[in-house]
Amino acid sequence: MNADFVLFGGLAIVTVLSALGMLFSRNAVYSALYLIFNFSTVAVFYLMLSAPFIALAQITVYAGAIMVLFLFVIMLLGAEQTGRTPPTWWMQPLALTLAAILILEGIYLIFTHRTSFPALQQTLGDFGDPLQIGELMFSNYLLAFEAVALLLLVAVIGAIFLSRGRKFR
């Protein structure tokens, strides 16, 4: 076994455990912290794939901005403890069926494919370079970039409007 395989396997286990911790935690703050940890391990996967810009964006955008917003909303609403809601009749059989399909797919992939990872292709020196991404985004995809910016602005104005209550209505 080489070091990449050991690192990948260890990170995969940590990523799955942090995702399970997020799902099964009764405290919403702990769930958000598990999700931050999960985002961080996914960023290390991006680093292993020679994509440092995407790894940095993963940490900055998801683990930084979005999770701080989640924690702020959780603390603001006082919803730290999640209540137990009764499941409907179809949820448990569906979950068990999907879990069985996932386990069978995993067993099939383990026993029918090679046990080693394919060698990663060497990327060009400027692959994933922030300058190259910026030039591409502001030349070929400028309209889409501006549309997303406008959509986010409308979402922020809507959130402010909804949070202010009856003052504006």
C-alpha atoms as a PDB file:
ATOM      1  CA  MET A   1       0.000   0.000   0.000  1.00  0.00           C
ATOM      2  CA  ASN A   2       1.241   3.436  -0.822  1.00  0.00           C
ATOM      3  CA  ALA A   3       0.802   6.624   1.176  1.00  0.00           C
ATOM      4  CA  ASP A   4      -1.900   8.027  -1.125  1.00  0.00           C
ATOM      5  CA  PHE A   5      -4.100   4.991  -0.568  1.00  0.00           C
ATOM      6  CA  VAL A   6      -3.674   5.157   3.216  1.00  0.00           C
ATOM      7  CA  LEU A   7      -4.391   8.906   3.260  1.00  0.00           C
ATOM      8  CA  PHE A   8      -7.436   8.448   1.029  1.00  0.00           C
ATOM      9  CA  GLY A   9      -8.802   5.596   3.131  1.00  0.00           C
ATOM     10  CA  GLY A  10      -8.294   7.451   6.391  1.00  0.00           C
ATOM     11  CA  LEU A  11      -9.892  10.608   5.053  1.00  0.00           C
ATOM     12  CA  ALA A  12     -12.792   8.636   3.604  1.00  0.00           C
ATOM     13  CA  ILE A  13     -13.493   7.073   6.998  1.00  0.00           C
ATOM     14  CA  VAL A  14     -13.278  10.455   8.749  1.00  0.00           C
ATOM     15  CA  THR A  15     -15.538  12.048   6.120  1.00  0.00           C
ATOM     16  CA  VAL A  16     -18.193   9.364   6.450  1.00  0.00           C
ATOM     17  CA  LEU A  17     -18.048   9.440  10.264  1.00  0.00           C
ATOM     18  CA  SER A  18     -18.381  13.232  10.360  1.00  0.00           C
ATOM     19  CA  ALA A  19     -21.345  13.035   7.964  1.00  0.00           C
ATOM     20  CA  LEU A  20     -22.980  10.409  10.187  1.00  0.00           C
ATOM     21  CA  GLY A  21     -22.267  12.549  13.246  1.00  0.00           C
ATOM     22  CA  MET A  22     -23.971  15.461  11.531  1.00  0.00           C
ATOM     23  CA  LEU A  23     -27.013  13.372  10.654  1.00  0.00           C
ATOM     24  CA  PHE A  24     -27.495  11.717  14.027  1.00  0.00           C
ATOM     25  CA  SER A  25     -26.615  14.584  16.360  1.00  0.00           C
ATOM     26  CA  ARG A  26     -29.578  15.902  18.322  1.00  0.00           C
ATOM     27  CA  ASN A  27     -27.881  19.244  18.923  1.00  0.00           C
ATOM     28  CA  ALA A  28     -28.093  21.532  15.878  1.00  0.00           C
ATOM     29  CA  VAL A  29     -24.873  23.354  16.795  1.00  0.00           C
ATOM     30  CA  TYR A  30     -22.941  20.083  16.942  1.00  0.00           C
ATOM     31  CA  SER A  31     -24.466  19.087  13.608  1.00  0.00           C
ATOM     32  CA  ALA A  32     -23.189  22.324  12.075  1.00  0.00           C
ATOM     33  CA  LEU A  33     -19.730  21.727  13.535  1.00  0.00           C
ATOM     34  CA  TYR A  34     -19.675  18.166  12.151  1.00  0.00           C
ATOM     35  CA  LEU A  35     -20.598  19.621   8.760  1.00  0.00           C
ATOM     36  CA  ILE A  36     -17.698  22.094   8.953  1.00  0.00           C
ATOM     37  CA  PHE A  37     -15.367  19.184   9.720  1.00  0.00           C
ATOM     38  CA  ASN A  38     -16.819  17.270   6.766  1.00  0.00           C
ATOM     39  CA  PHE A  39     -16.239  20.231   4.429  1.00  0.00           C
ATOM     40  CA  SER A  40     -12.647  20.439   5.635  1.00  0.00           C
ATOM     41  CA  THR A  41     -11.927  16.793   4.860  1.00  0.00           C
ATOM     42  CA  VAL A  42     -13.481  17.198   1.411  1.00  0.00           C
ATOM     43  CA  ALA A  43     -11.105  20.119   0.846  1.00  0.00           C
ATOM     44  CA  VAL A  44      -8.186  17.782   1.577  1.00  0.00           C
ATOM     45  CA  PHE A  45      -9.558  15.453  -1.108  1.00  0.00           C
ATOM     46  CA  TYR A  46      -9.409  18.369  -3.539  1.00  0.00           C
ATOM     47  CA  LEU A  47      -5.802  18.984  -2.546  1.00  0.00           C
ATOM     48  CA  MET A  48      -5.024  15.333  -3.258  1.00  0.00           C
ATOM     49  CA  LEU A  49      -6.497  15.817  -6.743  1.00  0.00           C
ATOM     50  CA  SER A  50      -4.181  18.794  -7.403  1.00  0.00           C
ATOM     51  CA  ALA A  51      -6.957  21.364  -7.244  1.00  0.00           C
ATOM     52  CA  PRO A  52      -5.780  23.877  -4.620  1.00  0.00           C
ATOM     53  CA  PHE A  53      -8.080  26.687  -5.761  1.00  0.00           C
ATOM     54  CA  ILE A  54     -11.184  24.533  -5.358  1.00  0.00           C
ATOM     55  CA  ALA A  55      -9.926  23.349  -1.955  1.00  0.00           C
ATOM     56  CA  LEU A  56      -9.457  26.954  -0.840  1.00  0.00           C
ATOM     57  CA  ALA A  57     -12.896  27.871  -2.165  1.00  0.00           C
ATOM     58  CA  GLN A  58     -14.362  24.881  -0.315  1.00  0.00           C
ATOM     59  CA  ILE A  59     -12.914  26.075   2.983  1.00  0.00           C
ATOM     60  CA  THR A  60     -13.626  29.768   2.427  1.00  0.00           C
ATOM     61  CA  VAL A  61     -17.120  29.552   1.013  1.00  0.00           C
ATOM     62  CA  TYR A  62     -18.628  26.482   2.631  1.00  0.00           C
ATOM     63  CA  ALA A  63     -16.825  26.010   5.924  1.00  0.00           C
ATOM     64  CA  GLY A  64     -16.329  29.732   6.383  1.00  0.00           C
ATOM     65  CA  ALA A  65     -19.231  31.787   5.168  1.00  0.00           C
ATOM     66  CA  ILE A  66     -22.158  29.391   4.871  1.00  0.00           C
ATOM     67  CA  MET A  67     -21.550  27.530   8.117  1.00  0.00           C
ATOM     68  CA  VAL A  68     -21.090  30.778  10.048  1.00  0.00           C
ATOM     69  CA  LEU A  69     -24.449  31.833   8.636  1.00  0.00           C
ATOM     70  CA  PHE A  70     -25.997  28.506   9.700  1.00  0.00           C
ATOM     71  CA  LEU A  71     -24.609  28.833  13.211  1.00  0.00           C
ATOM     72  CA  PHE A  72     -25.815  32.434  13.411  1.00  0.00           C
ATOM     73  CA  VAL A  73     -29.346  31.432  12.405  1.00  0.00           C
ATOM     74  CA  ILE A  74     -29.347  28.466  14.795  1.00  0.00           C
ATOM     75  CA  MET A  75     -28.241  30.664  17.686  1.00  0.00           C
ATOM     76  CA  LEU A  76     -30.627  33.474  16.682  1.00  0.00           C
ATOM     77  CA  LEU A  77     -33.651  31.206  16.559  1.00  0.00           C
ATOM     78  CA  GLY A  78     -32.656  29.254  19.663  1.00  0.00           C
ATOM     79  CA  ALA A  79     -33.136  25.958  17.852  1.00  0.00           C
ATOM     80  CA  GLU A  80     -30.141  24.155  19.348  1.00  0.00           C
ATOM     81  CA  GLN A  81     -32.143  21.098  20.346  1.00  0.00           C
ATOM     82  CA  THR A  82     -33.962  19.412  17.516  1.00  0.00           C
ATOM     83  CA  GLY A  83     -37.268  17.790  18.320  1.00  0.00           C
ATOM     84  CA  ARG A  84     -38.053  14.232  17.374  1.00  0.00           C
ATOM     85  CA  THR A  85     -40.712  14.097  14.671  1.00  0.00           C
ATOM     86  CA  PRO A  86     -42.629  10.874  14.093  1.00  0.00           C
ATOM     87  CA  PRO A  87     -41.743   9.294  10.738  1.00  0.00           C
ATOM     88  CA  THR A  88     -44.408   8.541   8.217  1.00  0.00           C
ATOM     89  CA  TRP A  89     -45.093   4.918   7.264  1.00  0.00           C
ATOM     90  CA  TRP A  90     -43.054   4.950   4.038  1.00  0.00           C
ATOM     91  CA  MET A  91     -39.803   6.495   5.321  1.00  0.00           C
ATOM     92  CA  GLN A  92     -38.287   3.491   7.084  1.00  0.00           C
ATOM     93  CA  PRO A  93     -38.820   0.918   4.276  1.00  0.00           C
ATOM     94  CA  LEU A  94     -37.507   3.421   1.714  1.00  0.00           C
ATOM     95  CA  ALA A  95     -34.422   4.156   3.821  1.00  0.00           C
ATOM     96  CA  LEU A  96     -33.712   0.451   4.346  1.00  0.00           C
ATOM     97  CA  THR A  97     -34.157  -0.275   0.629  1.00  0.00           C
ATOM     98  CA  LEU A  98     -31.805   2.545  -0.395  1.00  0.00           C
ATOM     99  CA  ALA A  99     -29.238   1.468   2.206  1.00  0.00           C
ATOM    100  CA  ALA A 100     -29.360  -2.119   0.914  1.00  0.00           C
ATOM    101  CA  ILE A 101     -28.871  -0.899  -2.677  1.00  0.00           C
ATOM    102  CA  LEU A 102     -25.895   1.214  -1.587  1.00  0.00           C
ATOM    103  CA  ILE A 103     -24.304  -1.695   0.278  1.00  0.00           C
ATOM    104  CA  LEU A 104     -24.787  -4.033  -2.693  1.00  0.00           C
ATOM    105  CA  GLU A 105     -23.251  -1.453  -5.049  1.00  0.00           C
ATOM    106  CA  GLY A 106     -20.277  -1.079  -2.730  1.00  0.00           C
ATOM    107  CA  ILE A 107     -19.752  -4.838  -2.540  1.00  0.00           C
ATOM    108  CA  TYR A 108     -20.008  -5.094  -6.329  1.00  0.00           C
ATOM    109  CA  LEU A 109     -17.454  -2.324  -6.845  1.00  0.00           C
ATOM    110  CA  ILE A 110     -15.044  -3.776  -4.304  1.00  0.00           C
ATOM    111  CA  PHE A 111     -15.022  -7.268  -5.798  1.00  0.00           C
ATOM    112  CA  THR A 112     -15.253  -6.503  -9.518  1.00  0.00           C
ATOM    113  CA  HIS A 113     -12.758  -3.675  -9.917  1.00  0.00           C
ATOM    114  CA  ARG A 114      -9.069  -3.361  -9.312  1.00  0.00           C
ATOM    115  CA  THR A 115      -7.979  -2.870  -5.730  1.00  0.00           C
ATOM    116  CA  SER A 116      -5.717   0.055  -6.548  1.00  0.00           C
ATOM    117  CA  PHE A 117      -6.619   3.498  -7.734  1.00  0.00           C
ATOM    118  CA  PRO A 118      -5.834   4.447 -11.305  1.00  0.00           C
ATOM    119  CA  ALA A 119      -2.840   6.693 -11.598  1.00  0.00           C
ATOM    120  CA  LEU A 120      -3.774  10.344 -11.596  1.00  0.00           C
ATOM    121  CA  GLN A 121      -2.928  12.095 -14.802  1.00  0.00           C
ATOM    122  CA  GLN A 122      -0.385  14.842 -14.545  1.00  0.00           C
ATOM    123  CA  THR A 123      -2.082  18.186 -14.921  1.00  0.00           C
ATOM    124  CA  LEU A 124      -0.711  21.181 -16.696  1.00  0.00           C
ATOM    125  CA  GLY A 125       1.209  23.712 -14.629  1.00  0.00           C
ATOM    126  CA  ASP A 126      -1.493  26.363 -14.900  1.00  0.00           C
ATOM    127  CA  PHE A 127      -4.454  24.029 -14.313  1.00  0.00           C
ATOM    128  CA  GLY A 128      -6.725  25.499 -11.643  1.00  0.00           C
ATOM    129  CA  ASP A 129      -4.710  28.708 -11.513  1.00  0.00           C
ATOM    130  CA  PRO A 130      -6.845  31.503  -9.979  1.00  0.00           C
ATOM    131  CA  LEU A 131      -5.725  33.927 -12.706  1.00  0.00           C
ATOM    132  CA  GLN A 132      -6.845  31.526 -15.436  1.00  0.00           C
ATOM    133  CA  ILE A 133     -10.166  30.882 -13.665  1.00  0.00           C
ATOM    134  CA  GLY A 134     -10.757  34.621 -13.222  1.00  0.00           C
ATOM    135  CA  GLU A 135     -10.017  35.399 -16.863  1.00  0.00           C
ATOM    136  CA  LEU A 136     -12.333  32.623 -18.006  1.00  0.00           C
ATOM    137  CA  MET A 137     -15.120  33.659 -15.612  1.00  0.00           C
ATOM    138  CA  PHE A 138     -15.029  37.331 -16.550  1.00  0.00           C
ATOM    139  CA  SER A 139     -14.736  36.749 -20.305  1.00  0.00           C
ATOM    140  CA  ASN A 140     -16.715  33.675 -21.373  1.00  0.00           C
ATOM    141  CA  TYR A 141     -19.075  33.423 -18.391  1.00  0.00           C
ATOM    142  CA  LEU A 142     -19.649  37.082 -17.499  1.00  0.00           C
ATOM    143  CA  LEU A 143     -23.415  36.955 -18.044  1.00  0.00           C
ATOM    144  CA  ALA A 144     -23.827  33.892 -15.814  1.00  0.00           C
ATOM    145  CA  PHE A 145     -21.583  35.474 -13.157  1.00  0.00           C
ATOM    146  CA  GLU A 146     -23.672  38.662 -13.141  1.00  0.00           C
ATOM    147  CA  ALA A 147     -26.943  36.672 -13.057  1.00  0.00           C
ATOM    148  CA  VAL A 148     -25.773  34.749  -9.993  1.00  0.00           C
ATOM    149  CA  ALA A 149     -24.679  37.999  -8.330  1.00  0.00           C
ATOM    150  CA  LEU A 150     -28.100  39.537  -8.994  1.00  0.00           C
ATOM    151  CA  LEU A 151     -29.865  36.424  -7.699  1.00  0.00           C
ATOM    152  CA  LEU A 152     -27.831  36.510  -4.474  1.00  0.00           C
ATOM    153  CA  LEU A 153     -28.588  40.217  -4.039  1.00  0.00           C
ATOM    154  CA  VAL A 154     -32.325  39.555  -4.395  1.00  0.00           C
ATOM    155  CA  ALA A 155     -32.056  36.701  -1.864  1.00  0.00           C
ATOM    156  CA  VAL A 156     -30.306  38.958   0.662  1.00  0.00           C
ATOM    157  CA  ILE A 157     -32.920  41.713   0.210  1.00  0.00           C
ATOM    158  CA  GLY A 158     -35.687  39.117   0.603  1.00  0.00           C
ATOM    159  CA  ALA A 159     -34.118  37.733   3.780  1.00  0.00           C
ATOM    160  CA  ILE A 160     -33.843  41.220   5.243  1.00  0.00           C
ATOM    161  CA  PHE A 161     -37.436  41.969   4.261  1.00  0.00           C
ATOM    162  CA  LEU A 162     -38.722  38.763   5.858  1.00  0.00           C
ATOM    163  CA  SER A 163     -36.699  39.198   9.028  1.00  0.00           C
ATOM    164  CA  ARG A 164     -37.903  42.748   9.656  1.00  0.00           C
ATOM    165  CA  GLY A 165     -41.475  41.581  10.204  1.00  0.00           C
ATOM    166  CA  ARG A 166     -44.481  43.858   9.718  1.00  0.00           C
ATOM    167  CA  LYS A 167     -42.517  47.150   9.622  1.00  0.00           C
ATOM    168  CA  PHE A 168     -42.203  47.166   5.831  1.00  0.00           C
ATOM    169  CA  ARG A 169     -45.637  45.737   5.017  1.00  0.00           C
END
